[in-house]
């Protein structure tokens, strides 16, 4: 896979989903006080995210092992955690919110993924997650959607690092996420960018510019 393949086939998809989510938080402030706010719009975004997680996780497994037969979230975890055991501890910061979306993957206890499947397959059924009982569609809230999007972001970072031969001055893809930054497990030493990157080469100030702008998506 080339850098352009990664950008056009996977990273653009993430950024477009992120932009959809950012539309929602124009009306529901990104705050823990609003975490339980649910809506049809969050449900739509959650379904998009879950589908993309399935695509990216499967691809990452294949990139690591061409004979991989993983086809579901637990099988992806069984393979990826062998290579990236730290992924469960990667923290995503979003304003003053901290998220560890893959925590518990090894024990198959990803509540947000179970909720995604509930919304996808049994939207009107009553379920209990972490002691909270209600219809599945009411779990499609700000907190779960944000958690799922952060989980997708982490997978995208690992895929970027694995499959691209990007310029060594790039730590993360450009255009960069406008919501997230990864920290912990080595990621705190990686830079996050907007549409371009400045660096010094042989004493000269240089700039790398994305082939497209975030605002153009």
N, C-alpha and C. Protein backbone atom coordinates (compact mmCIF):
# COMPACT_ATOMS: atom_id res chain seq x y z
N UNK A 1 0.84 -1.19 0.00
CA UNK A 1 0.00 0.00 0.00
C UNK A 1 0.88 1.25 0.00
N UNK A 2 0.55 2.21 -0.83
CA UNK A 2 1.30 3.45 -0.89
C UNK A 2 0.72 4.48 0.07
N UNK A 3 1.48 5.56 0.27
CA UNK A 3 0.97 6.65 1.10
C UNK A 3 -0.35 7.17 0.55
N UNK A 4 -0.42 7.30 -0.78
CA UNK A 4 -1.63 7.82 -1.40
C UNK A 4 -2.81 6.88 -1.20
N UNK A 5 -2.56 5.58 -1.27
CA UNK A 5 -3.63 4.61 -1.02
C UNK A 5 -4.18 4.77 0.40
N UNK A 6 -3.27 4.85 1.36
CA UNK A 6 -3.71 5.02 2.74
C UNK A 6 -4.56 6.27 2.89
N UNK A 7 -4.07 7.37 2.33
CA UNK A 7 -4.77 8.65 2.47
C UNK A 7 -6.13 8.61 1.79
N UNK A 8 -6.17 8.15 0.56
CA UNK A 8 -7.42 8.20 -0.21
C UNK A 8 -8.44 7.17 0.23
N UNK A 9 -7.98 5.99 0.64
CA UNK A 9 -8.92 4.91 0.93
C UNK A 9 -9.34 4.83 2.40
N UNK A 10 -8.50 5.35 3.29
CA UNK A 10 -8.78 5.15 4.72
C UNK A 10 -8.75 6.45 5.53
N UNK A 11 -7.70 7.24 5.37
CA UNK A 11 -7.61 8.43 6.20
C UNK A 11 -8.68 9.46 5.85
N UNK A 12 -8.97 9.62 4.58
CA UNK A 12 -10.04 10.54 4.19
C UNK A 12 -11.37 10.13 4.81
N UNK A 13 -11.63 8.82 4.85
CA UNK A 13 -12.86 8.34 5.45
C UNK A 13 -12.94 8.74 6.92
N UNK A 14 -11.81 8.56 7.65
CA UNK A 14 -11.80 8.97 9.04
C UNK A 14 -12.11 10.45 9.18
N UNK A 15 -11.43 11.29 8.39
CA UNK A 15 -11.61 12.73 8.51
C UNK A 15 -13.04 13.15 8.17
N UNK A 16 -13.66 12.50 7.19
CA UNK A 16 -15.04 12.85 6.85
C UNK A 16 -16.00 12.46 7.97
N UNK A 17 -15.75 11.31 8.60
CA UNK A 17 -16.58 10.93 9.75
C UNK A 17 -16.36 11.90 10.90
N UNK A 18 -15.10 12.27 11.13
CA UNK A 18 -14.81 13.24 12.19
C UNK A 18 -15.54 14.55 11.95
N UNK A 19 -15.57 15.00 10.70
CA UNK A 19 -16.26 16.25 10.40
C UNK A 19 -17.76 16.14 10.66
N UNK A 20 -18.33 14.97 10.38
CA UNK A 20 -19.74 14.75 10.71
C UNK A 20 -19.96 14.85 12.21
N UNK A 21 -19.07 14.23 12.97
CA UNK A 21 -19.18 14.29 14.43
C UNK A 21 -19.04 15.73 14.92
N UNK A 22 -18.16 16.49 14.33
CA UNK A 22 -17.97 17.88 14.74
C UNK A 22 -19.21 18.73 14.46
N UNK A 23 -19.99 18.34 13.46
CA UNK A 23 -21.26 19.04 13.24
C UNK A 23 -22.18 18.84 14.44
N UNK A 24 -22.21 17.62 14.94
CA UNK A 24 -23.09 17.30 16.07
C UNK A 24 -22.71 18.10 17.31
N UNK A 25 -21.41 18.25 17.55
CA UNK A 25 -20.99 18.93 18.78
C UNK A 25 -21.06 20.45 18.65
N UNK A 26 -21.54 20.95 17.52
CA UNK A 26 -21.92 22.36 17.45
C UNK A 26 -23.21 22.60 18.24
N UNK A 27 -23.99 21.53 18.41
CA UNK A 27 -25.28 21.65 19.08
C UNK A 27 -25.31 20.96 20.44
N UNK A 28 -24.49 19.93 20.60
CA UNK A 28 -24.34 19.25 21.89
C UNK A 28 -22.89 19.43 22.30
N UNK A 29 -22.65 20.30 23.25
CA UNK A 29 -21.28 20.66 23.62
C UNK A 29 -20.49 19.42 24.03
N UNK A 30 -19.23 19.40 23.61
CA UNK A 30 -18.35 18.28 23.93
C UNK A 30 -17.92 18.40 25.40
N UNK A 31 -18.75 17.82 26.26
CA UNK A 31 -18.54 17.91 27.69
C UNK A 31 -19.05 16.64 28.34
N UNK A 32 -18.39 16.23 29.41
CA UNK A 32 -18.86 15.03 30.13
C UNK A 32 -20.27 15.22 30.66
N UNK A 33 -20.70 16.45 30.86
CA UNK A 33 -22.06 16.71 31.32
C UNK A 33 -23.10 16.28 30.28
N UNK A 34 -22.68 16.19 29.04
CA UNK A 34 -23.60 15.82 27.95
C UNK A 34 -23.40 14.40 27.45
N UNK A 35 -22.57 13.63 28.14
CA UNK A 35 -22.20 12.31 27.64
C UNK A 35 -23.39 11.41 27.35
N UNK A 36 -24.46 11.50 28.10
CA UNK A 36 -25.60 10.59 27.92
C UNK A 36 -26.61 11.09 26.89
N UNK A 37 -26.34 12.23 26.27
CA UNK A 37 -27.24 12.75 25.24
C UNK A 37 -27.19 11.86 24.02
N UNK A 38 -28.33 11.34 23.61
CA UNK A 38 -28.38 10.44 22.45
C UNK A 38 -29.21 11.07 21.34
N UNK A 39 -29.02 10.60 20.13
CA UNK A 39 -29.78 11.14 18.99
C UNK A 39 -29.65 10.20 17.81
N UNK A 40 -30.53 10.37 16.84
CA UNK A 40 -30.44 9.61 15.59
C UNK A 40 -29.15 9.95 14.86
N UNK A 41 -28.70 11.19 14.99
CA UNK A 41 -27.47 11.60 14.32
C UNK A 41 -26.27 10.87 14.90
N UNK A 42 -26.21 10.76 16.22
CA UNK A 42 -25.12 9.99 16.84
C UNK A 42 -25.20 8.52 16.42
N UNK A 43 -26.41 7.98 16.33
CA UNK A 43 -26.56 6.59 15.90
C UNK A 43 -26.01 6.39 14.49
N UNK A 44 -26.32 7.33 13.61
CA UNK A 44 -25.81 7.24 12.23
C UNK A 44 -24.28 7.26 12.20
N UNK A 45 -23.68 8.17 12.95
CA UNK A 45 -22.23 8.27 12.97
C UNK A 45 -21.61 7.04 13.60
N UNK A 46 -22.22 6.54 14.68
CA UNK A 46 -21.71 5.34 15.35
C UNK A 46 -21.68 4.16 14.39
N UNK A 47 -22.71 4.01 13.57
CA UNK A 47 -22.73 2.91 12.60
C UNK A 47 -21.63 3.08 11.55
N UNK A 48 -21.39 4.30 11.13
CA UNK A 48 -20.29 4.55 10.18
C UNK A 48 -18.95 4.20 10.80
N UNK A 49 -18.75 4.62 12.03
CA UNK A 49 -17.48 4.36 12.71
C UNK A 49 -17.25 2.87 12.87
N UNK A 50 -18.27 2.16 13.36
CA UNK A 50 -18.13 0.73 13.58
C UNK A 50 -17.77 -0.02 12.31
N UNK A 51 -18.40 0.35 11.21
CA UNK A 51 -18.11 -0.28 9.93
C UNK A 51 -16.66 -0.02 9.52
N UNK A 52 -16.19 1.20 9.72
CA UNK A 52 -14.83 1.55 9.34
C UNK A 52 -13.80 0.89 10.25
N UNK A 53 -14.12 0.74 11.52
CA UNK A 53 -13.23 0.01 12.43
C UNK A 53 -13.03 -1.41 11.93
N UNK A 54 -14.11 -2.05 11.52
CA UNK A 54 -14.02 -3.41 11.00
C UNK A 54 -13.10 -3.47 9.79
N UNK A 55 -13.22 -2.50 8.89
CA UNK A 55 -12.39 -2.47 7.68
C UNK A 55 -10.92 -2.26 8.03
N UNK A 56 -10.64 -1.26 8.86
CA UNK A 56 -9.25 -0.90 9.16
C UNK A 56 -8.57 -1.96 10.01
N UNK A 57 -9.28 -2.50 11.00
CA UNK A 57 -8.68 -3.55 11.85
C UNK A 57 -8.35 -4.79 11.02
N UNK A 58 -9.25 -5.17 10.13
CA UNK A 58 -8.98 -6.33 9.28
C UNK A 58 -7.78 -6.08 8.38
N UNK A 59 -7.69 -4.88 7.81
CA UNK A 59 -6.57 -4.55 6.94
C UNK A 59 -5.26 -4.56 7.72
N UNK A 60 -5.26 -4.01 8.93
CA UNK A 60 -4.05 -3.99 9.74
C UNK A 60 -3.59 -5.40 10.07
N UNK A 61 -4.53 -6.28 10.38
CA UNK A 61 -4.18 -7.69 10.60
C UNK A 61 -3.53 -8.30 9.37
N UNK A 62 -4.07 -8.00 8.20
CA UNK A 62 -3.53 -8.53 6.95
C UNK A 62 -2.14 -7.97 6.66
N UNK A 63 -1.94 -6.69 7.00
CA UNK A 63 -0.64 -6.09 6.76
C UNK A 63 0.43 -6.72 7.66
N UNK A 64 0.02 -7.14 8.84
CA UNK A 64 0.96 -7.77 9.77
C UNK A 64 1.18 -9.24 9.45
N UNK A 65 0.13 -9.88 8.92
CA UNK A 65 0.20 -11.31 8.62
C UNK A 65 -0.71 -11.59 7.43
N UNK A 66 -0.11 -11.79 6.29
CA UNK A 66 -0.89 -11.95 5.06
C UNK A 66 -1.86 -13.13 5.12
N UNK A 67 -1.60 -14.10 5.99
CA UNK A 67 -2.48 -15.26 6.10
C UNK A 67 -3.54 -15.09 7.20
N UNK A 68 -3.67 -13.89 7.73
CA UNK A 68 -4.66 -13.64 8.78
C UNK A 68 -6.06 -14.00 8.30
N UNK A 69 -6.82 -14.64 9.18
CA UNK A 69 -8.21 -14.99 8.87
C UNK A 69 -9.17 -14.29 9.84
N UNK A 70 -8.69 -13.29 10.56
CA UNK A 70 -9.52 -12.59 11.54
C UNK A 70 -10.69 -11.89 10.84
N UNK A 71 -11.88 -12.07 11.39
CA UNK A 71 -13.08 -11.50 10.77
C UNK A 71 -13.99 -10.80 11.77
N UNK A 72 -13.61 -10.74 13.04
CA UNK A 72 -14.44 -10.01 14.00
C UNK A 72 -13.56 -9.33 15.03
N UNK A 73 -14.16 -8.49 15.86
CA UNK A 73 -13.40 -7.62 16.74
C UNK A 73 -12.52 -8.40 17.71
N UNK A 74 -13.00 -9.53 18.22
CA UNK A 74 -12.19 -10.32 19.16
C UNK A 74 -11.02 -10.99 18.46
N UNK A 75 -11.25 -11.45 17.24
CA UNK A 75 -10.16 -12.06 16.48
C UNK A 75 -9.13 -11.01 16.07
N UNK A 76 -9.59 -9.82 15.72
CA UNK A 76 -8.64 -8.74 15.42
C UNK A 76 -7.77 -8.47 16.65
N UNK A 77 -8.41 -8.39 17.81
CA UNK A 77 -7.68 -8.12 19.03
C UNK A 77 -6.66 -9.21 19.35
N UNK A 78 -7.05 -10.46 19.14
CA UNK A 78 -6.13 -11.58 19.43
C UNK A 78 -4.86 -11.47 18.60
N UNK A 79 -4.98 -10.97 17.36
CA UNK A 79 -3.80 -10.85 16.51
C UNK A 79 -3.04 -9.54 16.75
N UNK A 80 -3.77 -8.44 16.87
CA UNK A 80 -3.10 -7.15 16.99
C UNK A 80 -2.42 -6.96 18.33
N UNK A 81 -3.00 -7.53 19.39
CA UNK A 81 -2.40 -7.37 20.70
C UNK A 81 -1.08 -8.14 20.85
N UNK A 82 -0.86 -9.12 20.00
CA UNK A 82 0.43 -9.81 20.01
C UNK A 82 1.54 -8.85 19.56
N UNK A 83 1.22 -8.05 18.54
CA UNK A 83 2.21 -7.13 17.97
C UNK A 83 2.21 -5.78 18.70
N UNK A 84 1.00 -5.34 19.08
CA UNK A 84 0.86 -4.03 19.73
C UNK A 84 0.18 -4.20 21.09
N UNK A 85 0.83 -4.86 22.04
CA UNK A 85 0.18 -5.07 23.34
C UNK A 85 -0.15 -3.77 24.05
N UNK A 86 0.55 -2.70 23.69
CA UNK A 86 0.33 -1.41 24.36
C UNK A 86 -0.92 -0.68 23.89
N UNK A 87 -1.56 -1.19 22.82
CA UNK A 87 -2.68 -0.46 22.25
C UNK A 87 -3.82 -0.28 23.25
N UNK A 88 -3.94 -1.20 24.20
CA UNK A 88 -4.98 -1.07 25.21
C UNK A 88 -4.75 0.13 26.12
N UNK A 89 -3.51 0.58 26.21
CA UNK A 89 -3.18 1.66 27.14
C UNK A 89 -3.00 3.01 26.45
N UNK A 90 -3.11 3.06 25.13
CA UNK A 90 -2.97 4.34 24.43
C UNK A 90 -4.12 5.26 24.85
N UNK A 91 -3.77 6.47 25.24
CA UNK A 91 -4.76 7.45 25.68
C UNK A 91 -4.97 8.48 24.58
N UNK A 92 -6.23 8.83 24.37
CA UNK A 92 -6.57 9.90 23.44
C UNK A 92 -7.06 11.09 24.26
N UNK A 93 -6.51 12.26 23.97
CA UNK A 93 -7.01 13.47 24.62
C UNK A 93 -7.82 14.27 23.62
N UNK A 94 -8.93 14.79 24.11
CA UNK A 94 -9.86 15.58 23.31
C UNK A 94 -10.34 16.71 24.20
N UNK A 95 -9.79 17.89 24.00
CA UNK A 95 -9.98 18.98 24.95
C UNK A 95 -9.50 18.51 26.33
N UNK A 96 -10.39 18.54 27.32
CA UNK A 96 -10.00 18.08 28.66
C UNK A 96 -10.49 16.67 28.95
N UNK A 97 -10.92 15.96 27.91
CA UNK A 97 -11.42 14.60 28.04
C UNK A 97 -10.31 13.62 27.68
N UNK A 98 -10.17 12.57 28.49
CA UNK A 98 -9.18 11.52 28.22
C UNK A 98 -9.91 10.21 27.99
N UNK A 99 -9.50 9.49 26.96
CA UNK A 99 -10.18 8.26 26.57
C UNK A 99 -9.17 7.14 26.38
N UNK A 100 -9.54 5.94 26.81
CA UNK A 100 -8.75 4.73 26.55
C UNK A 100 -9.67 3.71 25.88
N UNK A 101 -9.98 3.95 24.60
CA UNK A 101 -11.03 3.16 23.95
C UNK A 101 -10.76 1.68 23.82
N UNK A 102 -9.48 1.27 23.73
CA UNK A 102 -9.18 -0.14 23.54
C UNK A 102 -8.87 -0.86 24.84
N UNK A 103 -9.01 -0.18 25.96
CA UNK A 103 -8.79 -0.84 27.24
C UNK A 103 -9.79 -1.97 27.44
N UNK A 104 -9.30 -3.16 27.73
CA UNK A 104 -10.17 -4.32 27.90
C UNK A 104 -10.31 -5.17 26.66
N UNK A 105 -9.64 -4.78 25.57
CA UNK A 105 -9.76 -5.55 24.33
C UNK A 105 -9.31 -6.99 24.53
N UNK A 106 -8.25 -7.17 25.30
CA UNK A 106 -7.75 -8.52 25.54
C UNK A 106 -8.72 -9.40 26.30
N UNK A 107 -9.56 -8.78 27.11
CA UNK A 107 -10.56 -9.55 27.86
C UNK A 107 -11.92 -9.52 27.19
N UNK A 108 -11.96 -8.92 25.98
CA UNK A 108 -13.18 -8.87 25.16
C UNK A 108 -14.30 -8.13 25.89
N UNK A 109 -13.95 -7.01 26.54
CA UNK A 109 -14.95 -6.27 27.30
C UNK A 109 -15.10 -4.84 26.82
N UNK A 110 -15.20 -4.67 25.51
CA UNK A 110 -15.36 -3.34 24.92
C UNK A 110 -16.84 -2.98 24.88
N UNK A 111 -17.29 -2.26 25.89
CA UNK A 111 -18.72 -1.93 25.98
C UNK A 111 -19.19 -1.14 24.77
N UNK A 112 -18.39 -0.18 24.32
CA UNK A 112 -18.81 0.65 23.20
C UNK A 112 -19.01 -0.18 21.93
N UNK A 113 -18.21 -1.26 21.77
CA UNK A 113 -18.39 -2.10 20.59
C UNK A 113 -19.66 -2.93 20.70
N UNK A 114 -19.95 -3.41 21.90
CA UNK A 114 -21.19 -4.15 22.11
C UNK A 114 -22.40 -3.26 21.84
N UNK A 115 -22.30 -2.01 22.24
CA UNK A 115 -23.39 -1.06 21.99
C UNK A 115 -23.53 -0.81 20.49
N UNK A 116 -22.41 -0.64 19.79
CA UNK A 116 -22.46 -0.48 18.33
C UNK A 116 -23.22 -1.63 17.70
N UNK A 117 -22.89 -2.86 18.09
CA UNK A 117 -23.59 -4.01 17.53
C UNK A 117 -25.06 -4.04 17.91
N UNK A 118 -25.36 -3.60 19.13
CA UNK A 118 -26.76 -3.53 19.55
C UNK A 118 -27.54 -2.54 18.72
N UNK A 119 -26.94 -1.38 18.47
CA UNK A 119 -27.60 -0.36 17.64
C UNK A 119 -27.75 -0.85 16.20
N UNK A 120 -26.77 -1.58 15.73
CA UNK A 120 -26.78 -2.07 14.35
C UNK A 120 -27.82 -3.17 14.13
N UNK A 121 -27.91 -4.11 15.07
CA UNK A 121 -28.71 -5.31 14.84
C UNK A 121 -30.04 -5.34 15.59
N UNK A 122 -30.09 -4.71 16.76
CA UNK A 122 -31.29 -4.81 17.60
C UNK A 122 -31.59 -3.46 18.24
N UNK A 123 -31.84 -2.49 17.39
CA UNK A 123 -31.92 -1.10 17.84
C UNK A 123 -32.96 -0.86 18.94
N UNK A 124 -34.09 -1.52 18.84
CA UNK A 124 -35.16 -1.27 19.78
C UNK A 124 -35.17 -2.18 20.99
N UNK A 125 -34.26 -3.15 21.04
CA UNK A 125 -34.22 -4.09 22.16
C UNK A 125 -33.67 -3.42 23.41
N UNK A 126 -34.15 -3.88 24.54
CA UNK A 126 -33.65 -3.38 25.83
C UNK A 126 -32.44 -4.22 26.24
N UNK A 127 -31.34 -3.55 26.55
CA UNK A 127 -30.11 -4.21 26.95
C UNK A 127 -29.57 -3.55 28.22
N UNK A 128 -28.66 -4.24 28.89
CA UNK A 128 -27.99 -3.68 30.06
C UNK A 128 -26.50 -3.66 29.82
N UNK A 129 -25.90 -2.47 29.94
CA UNK A 129 -24.45 -2.31 29.81
C UNK A 129 -23.95 -1.55 31.03
N UNK A 130 -23.00 -2.12 31.71
CA UNK A 130 -22.39 -1.48 32.88
C UNK A 130 -23.45 -1.03 33.88
N UNK A 131 -24.47 -1.86 34.06
CA UNK A 131 -25.50 -1.58 35.04
C UNK A 131 -26.59 -0.64 34.58
N UNK A 132 -26.52 -0.17 33.35
CA UNK A 132 -27.51 0.76 32.81
C UNK A 132 -28.40 0.01 31.83
N UNK A 133 -29.72 0.07 32.03
CA UNK A 133 -30.67 -0.69 31.21
C UNK A 133 -31.57 0.26 30.45
N UNK A 134 -31.62 0.09 29.13
CA UNK A 134 -32.52 0.88 28.27
C UNK A 134 -32.46 0.32 26.85
N UNK A 135 -33.25 0.91 25.96
CA UNK A 135 -33.22 0.47 24.57
C UNK A 135 -31.84 0.77 23.96
N UNK A 136 -31.42 -0.10 23.05
CA UNK A 136 -30.09 0.06 22.46
C UNK A 136 -29.89 1.43 21.82
N UNK A 137 -30.91 1.95 21.15
CA UNK A 137 -30.71 3.22 20.44
C UNK A 137 -30.42 4.37 21.40
N UNK A 138 -30.82 4.24 22.65
CA UNK A 138 -30.55 5.29 23.63
C UNK A 138 -29.11 5.27 24.12
N UNK A 139 -28.40 4.19 23.80
CA UNK A 139 -26.97 4.14 24.11
C UNK A 139 -26.13 4.81 23.02
N UNK A 140 -26.75 5.18 21.91
CA UNK A 140 -26.03 5.87 20.83
C UNK A 140 -25.90 7.34 21.23
N UNK A 141 -25.04 7.58 22.20
CA UNK A 141 -24.94 8.91 22.79
C UNK A 141 -23.58 9.53 22.49
N UNK A 142 -23.38 10.72 23.04
CA UNK A 142 -22.13 11.44 22.81
C UNK A 142 -20.92 10.64 23.29
N UNK A 143 -21.01 10.05 24.48
CA UNK A 143 -19.87 9.34 25.06
C UNK A 143 -19.46 8.14 24.22
N UNK A 144 -20.42 7.31 23.84
CA UNK A 144 -20.11 6.09 23.09
C UNK A 144 -19.61 6.43 21.70
N UNK A 145 -20.21 7.42 21.07
CA UNK A 145 -19.77 7.80 19.73
C UNK A 145 -18.36 8.38 19.76
N UNK A 146 -18.07 9.20 20.74
CA UNK A 146 -16.73 9.75 20.89
C UNK A 146 -15.71 8.65 21.17
N UNK A 147 -16.06 7.70 22.01
CA UNK A 147 -15.16 6.59 22.33
C UNK A 147 -14.85 5.77 21.07
N UNK A 148 -15.88 5.48 20.28
CA UNK A 148 -15.68 4.69 19.07
C UNK A 148 -14.81 5.44 18.06
N UNK A 149 -15.04 6.75 17.93
CA UNK A 149 -14.24 7.54 16.99
C UNK A 149 -12.78 7.59 17.42
N UNK A 150 -12.54 7.69 18.72
CA UNK A 150 -11.17 7.67 19.23
C UNK A 150 -10.52 6.32 18.97
N UNK A 151 -11.29 5.25 19.08
CA UNK A 151 -10.76 3.91 18.79
C UNK A 151 -10.34 3.80 17.33
N UNK A 152 -11.17 4.33 16.43
CA UNK A 152 -10.83 4.31 15.01
C UNK A 152 -9.57 5.14 14.76
N UNK A 153 -9.45 6.27 15.42
CA UNK A 153 -8.27 7.12 15.25
C UNK A 153 -6.99 6.35 15.60
N UNK A 154 -7.01 5.61 16.70
CA UNK A 154 -5.84 4.84 17.09
C UNK A 154 -5.48 3.81 16.03
N UNK A 155 -6.46 3.09 15.52
CA UNK A 155 -6.18 2.11 14.46
C UNK A 155 -5.58 2.77 13.23
N UNK A 156 -6.10 3.95 12.88
CA UNK A 156 -5.56 4.68 11.73
C UNK A 156 -4.09 5.05 11.95
N UNK A 157 -3.74 5.46 13.16
CA UNK A 157 -2.35 5.80 13.44
C UNK A 157 -1.44 4.59 13.27
N UNK A 158 -1.87 3.45 13.77
CA UNK A 158 -1.05 2.24 13.65
C UNK A 158 -0.95 1.79 12.20
N UNK A 159 -2.04 1.92 11.46
CA UNK A 159 -2.00 1.55 10.04
C UNK A 159 -1.07 2.49 9.29
N UNK A 160 -1.15 3.78 9.58
CA UNK A 160 -0.26 4.76 8.95
C UNK A 160 1.20 4.41 9.20
N UNK A 161 1.52 4.09 10.43
CA UNK A 161 2.90 3.77 10.79
C UNK A 161 3.36 2.47 10.11
N UNK A 162 2.44 1.54 9.92
CA UNK A 162 2.80 0.24 9.35
C UNK A 162 2.97 0.27 7.83
N UNK A 163 2.05 0.89 7.13
CA UNK A 163 2.00 0.68 5.68
C UNK A 163 2.59 1.80 4.85
N UNK A 164 2.81 2.97 5.42
CA UNK A 164 3.28 4.07 4.59
C UNK A 164 4.78 4.23 4.69
N UNK A 165 5.35 4.79 3.66
CA UNK A 165 6.75 5.19 3.70
C UNK A 165 6.80 6.71 3.66
N UNK A 166 5.95 7.30 4.50
CA UNK A 166 5.79 8.75 4.53
C UNK A 166 7.11 9.43 4.85
N UNK A 167 7.16 10.70 4.55
CA UNK A 167 8.33 11.51 4.87
C UNK A 167 8.68 11.34 6.35
N UNK A 168 9.95 11.16 6.67
CA UNK A 168 10.34 10.93 8.07
C UNK A 168 9.99 12.09 8.99
N UNK A 169 9.65 13.23 8.42
CA UNK A 169 9.26 14.36 9.25
C UNK A 169 7.82 14.26 9.72
N UNK A 170 7.09 13.28 9.20
CA UNK A 170 5.69 13.10 9.58
C UNK A 170 5.57 12.02 10.66
N UNK A 171 4.96 12.37 11.78
CA UNK A 171 4.65 11.38 12.82
C UNK A 171 3.24 10.84 12.68
N UNK A 172 2.34 11.68 12.18
CA UNK A 172 0.93 11.31 11.99
C UNK A 172 0.47 11.85 10.64
N UNK A 173 -0.64 11.35 10.11
CA UNK A 173 -1.07 11.78 8.77
C UNK A 173 -1.45 13.26 8.73
N UNK A 174 -1.36 13.83 7.53
CA UNK A 174 -1.90 15.16 7.29
C UNK A 174 -2.91 15.06 6.15
N UNK A 175 -3.97 15.87 6.18
CA UNK A 175 -4.37 16.78 7.25
C UNK A 175 -4.62 16.00 8.55
N UNK A 176 -4.36 16.64 9.67
CA UNK A 176 -4.51 15.95 10.94
C UNK A 176 -5.90 16.03 11.51
N UNK A 177 -6.15 15.17 12.49
CA UNK A 177 -7.41 15.21 13.22
C UNK A 177 -7.55 16.56 13.90
N UNK A 178 -8.77 17.08 13.89
CA UNK A 178 -9.04 18.34 14.58
C UNK A 178 -9.62 18.11 15.97
N UNK A 179 -9.72 16.84 16.36
CA UNK A 179 -10.26 16.51 17.68
C UNK A 179 -9.25 15.86 18.60
N UNK A 180 -8.41 14.99 18.07
CA UNK A 180 -7.67 14.05 18.90
C UNK A 180 -6.16 14.23 18.84
N UNK A 181 -5.53 13.83 19.95
CA UNK A 181 -4.09 13.62 20.00
C UNK A 181 -3.85 12.39 20.86
N UNK A 182 -2.98 11.50 20.38
CA UNK A 182 -2.64 10.30 21.13
C UNK A 182 -1.48 10.59 22.07
N UNK A 183 -1.56 10.03 23.28
CA UNK A 183 -0.45 10.12 24.22
C UNK A 183 -0.25 8.74 24.84
N UNK A 184 0.82 8.60 25.60
CA UNK A 184 1.18 7.35 26.27
C UNK A 184 1.68 6.32 25.26
N UNK A 185 2.42 5.36 25.77
CA UNK A 185 2.95 4.25 24.96
C UNK A 185 3.79 4.73 23.79
N UNK A 186 4.50 5.85 23.99
CA UNK A 186 5.35 6.39 22.95
C UNK A 186 4.72 7.45 22.09
N UNK A 187 3.40 7.52 22.09
CA UNK A 187 2.72 8.49 21.22
C UNK A 187 2.85 9.92 21.73
N UNK A 188 3.16 10.09 23.02
CA UNK A 188 3.31 11.46 23.52
C UNK A 188 4.49 12.17 22.87
N UNK A 189 5.39 11.40 22.26
CA UNK A 189 6.53 11.99 21.57
C UNK A 189 6.27 12.22 20.08
N UNK A 190 5.06 11.93 19.65
CA UNK A 190 4.70 12.11 18.25
C UNK A 190 3.89 13.39 18.08
N UNK A 191 4.19 14.12 17.02
CA UNK A 191 3.47 15.35 16.76
C UNK A 191 2.17 15.10 16.01
N UNK A 192 1.20 15.97 16.24
CA UNK A 192 -0.05 15.96 15.47
C UNK A 192 -0.10 17.27 14.69
N UNK A 193 -0.61 17.20 13.48
CA UNK A 193 -0.51 18.35 12.58
C UNK A 193 -1.89 18.79 12.08
N UNK A 194 -1.88 19.94 11.41
CA UNK A 194 -3.07 20.37 10.70
C UNK A 194 -2.92 20.03 9.21
N UNK A 195 -2.82 21.02 8.36
CA UNK A 195 -2.73 20.74 6.92
C UNK A 195 -1.29 20.72 6.39
N UNK A 196 -0.35 21.13 7.22
CA UNK A 196 1.04 21.18 6.76
C UNK A 196 1.99 21.00 7.93
N UNK A 197 3.25 20.76 7.61
CA UNK A 197 4.29 20.51 8.60
C UNK A 197 5.50 21.36 8.25
N UNK A 198 6.04 22.06 9.22
CA UNK A 198 7.27 22.80 9.03
C UNK A 198 8.42 22.05 9.71
N UNK A 199 9.59 22.06 9.07
CA UNK A 199 10.75 21.42 9.66
C UNK A 199 12.01 22.08 9.11
N UNK A 200 13.12 21.85 9.79
CA UNK A 200 14.41 22.41 9.37
C UNK A 200 15.21 21.32 8.67
N UNK A 201 15.71 21.63 7.49
CA UNK A 201 16.55 20.70 6.74
C UNK A 201 17.76 21.46 6.22
N UNK A 202 18.96 21.03 6.63
CA UNK A 202 20.20 21.69 6.20
C UNK A 202 20.17 23.20 6.46
N UNK A 203 19.56 23.55 7.57
CA UNK A 203 19.52 24.96 7.96
C UNK A 203 18.41 25.76 7.32
N UNK A 204 17.61 25.13 6.45
CA UNK A 204 16.52 25.83 5.78
C UNK A 204 15.17 25.41 6.36
N UNK A 205 14.26 26.36 6.41
CA UNK A 205 12.90 26.07 6.86
C UNK A 205 12.12 25.47 5.70
N UNK A 206 11.63 24.25 5.89
CA UNK A 206 10.90 23.54 4.84
C UNK A 206 9.45 23.31 5.28
N UNK A 207 8.60 23.04 4.31
CA UNK A 207 7.19 22.79 4.60
C UNK A 207 6.66 21.63 3.77
N UNK A 208 5.97 20.72 4.43
CA UNK A 208 5.22 19.67 3.75
C UNK A 208 3.75 20.06 3.80
N UNK A 209 3.11 20.01 2.66
CA UNK A 209 1.70 20.41 2.58
C UNK A 209 0.87 19.23 2.10
N UNK A 210 -0.27 19.02 2.72
CA UNK A 210 -1.17 17.94 2.32
C UNK A 210 -1.66 18.16 0.89
N UNK A 211 -1.99 17.07 0.22
CA UNK A 211 -2.54 17.17 -1.15
C UNK A 211 -3.93 17.81 -1.14
N UNK A 212 -4.58 17.82 0.00
CA UNK A 212 -5.89 18.46 0.12
C UNK A 212 -6.01 19.04 1.51
N UNK A 213 -6.91 20.01 1.66
CA UNK A 213 -7.11 20.67 2.94
C UNK A 213 -8.28 20.04 3.68
N UNK A 214 -8.19 20.06 4.98
CA UNK A 214 -9.26 19.54 5.81
C UNK A 214 -10.59 20.20 5.46
N UNK A 215 -10.53 21.51 5.20
CA UNK A 215 -11.75 22.26 4.91
C UNK A 215 -12.38 21.87 3.58
N UNK A 216 -11.61 21.18 2.71
CA UNK A 216 -12.13 20.80 1.39
C UNK A 216 -12.90 19.48 1.43
N UNK A 217 -12.83 18.74 2.52
CA UNK A 217 -13.50 17.45 2.59
C UNK A 217 -15.00 17.62 2.71
